[in-house]
């Protein structure tokens, strides 16, 4: 039948499949093997499947839990300590301390 036999018989194969015929019975009808019919149907289903596109999330992910006021204060203290350390190192580098 040739390499592209699927294009010519796919409608008939799908109709027979809907009627409840097995791959073996369909293959005997067209002179093909069970595997050839199975791959023909799989290829048809794969080509007609609609792809699922999941949008990518952009940016930083949101926080899991909102910070409590105590956590806010601890974070602020840590930030201020980092600034103080930066100022100290700057003053030491310029010789003012």
N, C-alpha and C. Protein backbone atom coordinates (compact mmCIF):
# COMPACT_ATOMS: atom_id res chain seq x y z
N UNK A 1 0.79 -1.20 0.00
CA UNK A 1 0.00 0.00 0.00
C UNK A 1 0.84 1.26 0.00
N UNK A 2 2.06 1.18 0.44
CA UNK A 2 2.91 2.36 0.41
C UNK A 2 3.09 2.95 1.80
N UNK A 3 3.92 3.96 1.82
CA UNK A 3 4.31 4.55 3.10
C UNK A 3 3.21 5.41 3.71
N UNK A 4 2.41 6.08 2.89
CA UNK A 4 1.41 7.02 3.39
C UNK A 4 -0.01 6.45 3.28
N UNK A 5 -0.16 5.18 3.56
CA UNK A 5 -1.48 4.55 3.45
C UNK A 5 -2.47 5.10 4.47
N UNK A 6 -1.96 5.63 5.57
CA UNK A 6 -2.82 6.10 6.65
C UNK A 6 -3.73 7.24 6.23
N UNK A 7 -3.25 8.10 5.33
CA UNK A 7 -4.06 9.24 4.91
C UNK A 7 -5.30 8.79 4.15
N UNK A 8 -5.20 7.69 3.46
CA UNK A 8 -6.32 7.26 2.64
C UNK A 8 -7.33 6.41 3.40
N UNK A 9 -6.89 5.70 4.42
CA UNK A 9 -7.81 4.78 5.10
C UNK A 9 -8.17 5.17 6.51
N UNK A 10 -7.65 6.30 7.00
CA UNK A 10 -7.86 6.65 8.41
C UNK A 10 -9.35 6.80 8.75
N UNK A 11 -10.13 7.38 7.85
CA UNK A 11 -11.57 7.56 8.13
C UNK A 11 -12.26 6.20 8.26
N UNK A 12 -11.89 5.27 7.39
CA UNK A 12 -12.50 3.94 7.45
C UNK A 12 -12.08 3.20 8.71
N UNK A 13 -10.81 3.34 9.07
CA UNK A 13 -10.30 2.67 10.27
C UNK A 13 -11.00 3.21 11.51
N UNK A 14 -11.15 4.53 11.61
CA UNK A 14 -11.81 5.12 12.77
C UNK A 14 -13.28 4.71 12.84
N UNK A 15 -13.93 4.61 11.69
CA UNK A 15 -15.32 4.18 11.66
C UNK A 15 -15.45 2.74 12.16
N UNK A 16 -14.54 1.87 11.72
CA UNK A 16 -14.56 0.48 12.16
C UNK A 16 -14.26 0.39 13.66
N UNK A 17 -13.36 1.25 14.13
CA UNK A 17 -13.01 1.27 15.55
C UNK A 17 -14.22 1.67 16.39
N UNK A 18 -15.01 2.66 15.90
CA UNK A 18 -16.22 3.08 16.61
C UNK A 18 -17.26 1.97 16.63
N UNK A 19 -17.26 1.14 15.61
CA UNK A 19 -18.21 0.03 15.56
C UNK A 19 -17.82 -1.09 16.52
N UNK A 20 -16.61 -1.00 17.09
CA UNK A 20 -16.19 -1.99 18.08
C UNK A 20 -15.27 -3.07 17.53
N UNK A 21 -14.80 -2.89 16.32
CA UNK A 21 -13.89 -3.90 15.75
C UNK A 21 -12.52 -3.79 16.41
N UNK A 22 -11.83 -4.91 16.48
CA UNK A 22 -10.50 -4.95 17.07
C UNK A 22 -9.46 -4.55 16.03
N UNK A 23 -8.26 -4.28 16.52
CA UNK A 23 -7.16 -3.93 15.59
C UNK A 23 -6.85 -5.09 14.65
N UNK A 24 -6.95 -6.29 15.18
CA UNK A 24 -6.67 -7.47 14.35
C UNK A 24 -7.69 -7.57 13.21
N UNK A 25 -8.97 -7.39 13.53
CA UNK A 25 -10.01 -7.48 12.51
C UNK A 25 -9.87 -6.38 11.48
N UNK A 26 -9.55 -5.17 11.94
CA UNK A 26 -9.36 -4.06 11.00
C UNK A 26 -8.14 -4.32 10.12
N UNK A 27 -7.08 -4.85 10.73
CA UNK A 27 -5.86 -5.17 9.96
C UNK A 27 -6.12 -6.22 8.90
N UNK A 28 -6.92 -7.23 9.21
CA UNK A 28 -7.25 -8.26 8.22
C UNK A 28 -8.04 -7.66 7.06
N UNK A 29 -8.88 -6.69 7.35
CA UNK A 29 -9.69 -6.04 6.32
C UNK A 29 -8.81 -5.31 5.30
N UNK A 30 -7.75 -4.67 5.78
CA UNK A 30 -6.88 -3.88 4.90
C UNK A 30 -5.57 -4.58 4.56
N UNK A 31 -5.33 -5.75 5.11
CA UNK A 31 -4.10 -6.46 4.83
C UNK A 31 -2.91 -5.90 5.60
N UNK A 32 -3.16 -5.40 6.79
CA UNK A 32 -2.12 -4.83 7.63
C UNK A 32 -2.05 -5.61 8.94
N UNK A 33 -0.98 -5.35 9.68
CA UNK A 33 -0.85 -6.02 10.97
C UNK A 33 -1.56 -5.22 12.06
N UNK A 34 -1.72 -5.88 13.20
CA UNK A 34 -2.36 -5.25 14.36
C UNK A 34 -1.56 -4.02 14.81
N UNK A 35 -0.24 -4.14 14.80
CA UNK A 35 0.64 -3.06 15.23
C UNK A 35 0.52 -1.86 14.29
N UNK A 36 0.42 -2.11 12.99
CA UNK A 36 0.28 -1.00 12.04
C UNK A 36 -1.01 -0.23 12.27
N UNK A 37 -2.08 -0.93 12.54
CA UNK A 37 -3.36 -0.26 12.81
C UNK A 37 -3.27 0.51 14.13
N UNK A 38 -2.67 -0.10 15.14
CA UNK A 38 -2.52 0.56 16.43
C UNK A 38 -1.73 1.86 16.30
N UNK A 39 -0.62 1.82 15.58
CA UNK A 39 0.20 3.01 15.39
C UNK A 39 -0.50 4.05 14.53
N UNK A 40 -1.29 3.62 13.57
CA UNK A 40 -2.06 4.53 12.74
C UNK A 40 -3.05 5.32 13.59
N UNK A 41 -3.76 4.63 14.48
CA UNK A 41 -4.73 5.28 15.36
C UNK A 41 -4.01 6.19 16.36
N UNK A 42 -2.89 5.74 16.91
CA UNK A 42 -2.13 6.55 17.85
C UNK A 42 -1.63 7.83 17.19
N UNK A 43 -1.11 7.71 15.98
CA UNK A 43 -0.61 8.87 15.25
C UNK A 43 -1.73 9.87 14.98
N UNK A 44 -2.90 9.34 14.60
CA UNK A 44 -4.05 10.21 14.35
C UNK A 44 -4.45 10.95 15.63
N UNK A 45 -4.51 10.23 16.74
CA UNK A 45 -4.87 10.86 18.01
C UNK A 45 -3.84 11.89 18.45
N UNK A 46 -2.56 11.59 18.25
CA UNK A 46 -1.50 12.50 18.65
C UNK A 46 -1.54 13.78 17.83
N UNK A 47 -1.82 13.67 16.53
CA UNK A 47 -1.86 14.85 15.67
C UNK A 47 -3.08 15.72 15.96
N UNK A 48 -4.17 15.11 16.41
CA UNK A 48 -5.39 15.87 16.65
C UNK A 48 -5.58 16.29 18.11
N UNK A 49 -4.60 16.03 18.92
CA UNK A 49 -4.66 16.43 20.32
C UNK A 49 -4.37 17.92 20.43
N UNK A 50 -5.11 18.62 21.25
CA UNK A 50 -4.85 20.04 21.45
C UNK A 50 -3.81 20.20 22.54
N UNK A 51 -2.76 20.97 22.28
CA UNK A 51 -1.72 21.12 23.29
C UNK A 51 -2.20 21.98 24.45
N UNK A 52 -1.75 21.61 25.64
CA UNK A 52 -2.09 22.36 26.85
C UNK A 52 -0.96 23.32 27.12
N UNK A 53 -1.26 24.60 27.12
CA UNK A 53 -0.25 25.62 27.36
C UNK A 53 -0.46 26.20 28.74
N UNK A 54 0.54 26.03 29.58
CA UNK A 54 0.48 26.56 30.94
C UNK A 54 1.30 27.85 30.95
N UNK A 55 0.67 28.98 31.31
CA UNK A 55 1.43 30.23 31.30
C UNK A 55 2.50 30.22 32.38
N UNK A 56 3.66 30.81 32.03
CA UNK A 56 4.75 30.88 32.99
C UNK A 56 4.49 32.00 33.98
N UNK A 57 4.76 31.73 35.23
CA UNK A 57 4.64 32.77 36.24
C UNK A 57 5.87 33.64 36.16
N UNK A 58 5.69 34.92 36.23
CA UNK A 58 6.80 35.85 36.15
C UNK A 58 7.00 36.54 37.48
N UNK A 59 8.22 36.92 37.73
CA UNK A 59 8.52 37.67 38.94
C UNK A 59 8.76 36.80 40.15
N UNK A 60 8.88 37.46 41.25
CA UNK A 60 9.16 36.78 42.50
C UNK A 60 7.90 36.10 43.01
N UNK A 61 8.01 34.89 43.53
CA UNK A 61 6.82 34.21 44.04
C UNK A 61 6.31 34.92 45.30
N UNK A 62 5.01 34.87 45.53
CA UNK A 62 4.46 35.55 46.71
C UNK A 62 4.88 34.86 48.01
N UNK A 63 4.83 35.61 49.09
CA UNK A 63 5.16 35.04 50.40
C UNK A 63 4.13 33.98 50.76
N UNK A 64 4.60 32.99 51.48
CA UNK A 64 3.70 31.92 51.88
C UNK A 64 2.74 32.39 52.98
N UNK A 65 3.27 33.07 53.99
CA UNK A 65 2.45 33.57 55.08
C UNK A 65 2.78 35.05 55.27
N UNK A 66 1.82 35.86 55.64
CA UNK A 66 2.13 37.26 55.92
C UNK A 66 2.98 37.37 57.18
N UNK A 67 3.87 38.35 57.20
CA UNK A 67 4.74 38.52 58.35
C UNK A 67 3.95 39.11 59.51
N UNK A 68 4.30 38.67 60.71
CA UNK A 68 3.70 39.25 61.90
C UNK A 68 4.45 40.53 62.25
N UNK A 69 3.92 41.28 63.17
CA UNK A 69 4.59 42.54 63.55
C UNK A 69 5.95 42.25 64.17
N UNK A 70 6.08 41.15 64.90
CA UNK A 70 7.37 40.80 65.49
C UNK A 70 8.38 40.46 64.40
N UNK A 71 7.93 39.73 63.43
CA UNK A 71 8.83 39.39 62.31
C UNK A 71 9.21 40.64 61.53
N UNK A 72 8.28 41.58 61.38
CA UNK A 72 8.61 42.85 60.72
C UNK A 72 9.72 43.58 61.46
N UNK A 73 9.59 43.64 62.79
CA UNK A 73 10.60 44.32 63.59
C UNK A 73 11.96 43.62 63.49
N UNK A 74 11.96 42.30 63.54
CA UNK A 74 13.22 41.56 63.45
C UNK A 74 13.89 41.78 62.09
N UNK A 75 13.07 41.83 61.07
CA UNK A 75 13.62 42.06 59.73
C UNK A 75 14.17 43.49 59.62
N UNK A 76 13.48 44.46 60.19
CA UNK A 76 13.94 45.84 60.18
C UNK A 76 15.24 45.98 60.96
N UNK A 77 15.33 45.33 62.12
CA UNK A 77 16.56 45.38 62.92
C UNK A 77 17.73 44.78 62.14
N UNK A 78 17.50 43.67 61.49
CA UNK A 78 18.56 43.03 60.70
C UNK A 78 19.02 43.97 59.58
N UNK A 79 18.07 44.62 58.93
CA UNK A 79 18.40 45.54 57.85
C UNK A 79 19.21 46.73 58.37
N UNK A 80 18.80 47.28 59.51
CA UNK A 80 19.52 48.41 60.10
C UNK A 80 20.92 48.01 60.56
N UNK A 81 21.06 46.81 61.12
CA UNK A 81 22.39 46.33 61.51
C UNK A 81 23.30 46.21 60.30
N UNK A 82 22.77 45.78 59.19
CA UNK A 82 23.58 45.68 57.96
C UNK A 82 24.01 47.08 57.51
N UNK A 83 23.12 48.08 57.64
CA UNK A 83 23.47 49.44 57.25
C UNK A 83 24.56 50.01 58.16
N UNK A 84 24.43 49.77 59.47
CA UNK A 84 25.43 50.26 60.42
C UNK A 84 26.79 49.65 60.11
N UNK A 85 26.81 48.37 59.82
CA UNK A 85 28.08 47.70 59.48
C UNK A 85 28.68 48.28 58.21
N UNK A 86 27.84 48.60 57.25
CA UNK A 86 28.32 49.20 56.00
C UNK A 86 28.90 50.59 56.27
N UNK A 87 28.23 51.40 57.12
CA UNK A 87 28.75 52.73 57.46
C UNK A 87 30.07 52.63 58.21
N UNK A 88 30.18 51.67 59.12
CA UNK A 88 31.43 51.49 59.87
C UNK A 88 32.58 51.14 58.93
N UNK A 89 32.33 50.23 58.00
CA UNK A 89 33.41 49.85 57.08
C UNK A 89 33.78 51.02 56.17
N UNK A 90 32.80 51.86 55.80
CA UNK A 90 33.10 53.03 54.99
C UNK A 90 33.95 54.03 55.76
N UNK A 91 33.56 54.27 57.03
CA UNK A 91 34.34 55.22 57.85
C UNK A 91 35.75 54.72 58.11
N UNK A 92 35.91 53.43 58.29
CA UNK A 92 37.26 52.88 58.50
C UNK A 92 38.09 53.00 57.23
N UNK A 93 37.45 52.79 56.07
CA UNK A 93 38.17 52.87 54.81
C UNK A 93 38.62 54.32 54.53
N UNK A 94 37.83 55.31 54.94
CA UNK A 94 38.18 56.71 54.70
C UNK A 94 39.05 57.28 55.82
N UNK A 95 39.26 56.53 56.89
CA UNK A 95 40.13 56.96 57.98
C UNK A 95 39.47 57.90 58.94
N UNK A 96 38.18 57.97 58.98
CA UNK A 96 37.47 58.89 59.88
C UNK A 96 37.12 58.20 61.20
N UNK A 97 37.42 56.96 61.35
CA UNK A 97 37.04 56.29 62.58
C UNK A 97 38.24 55.68 63.24
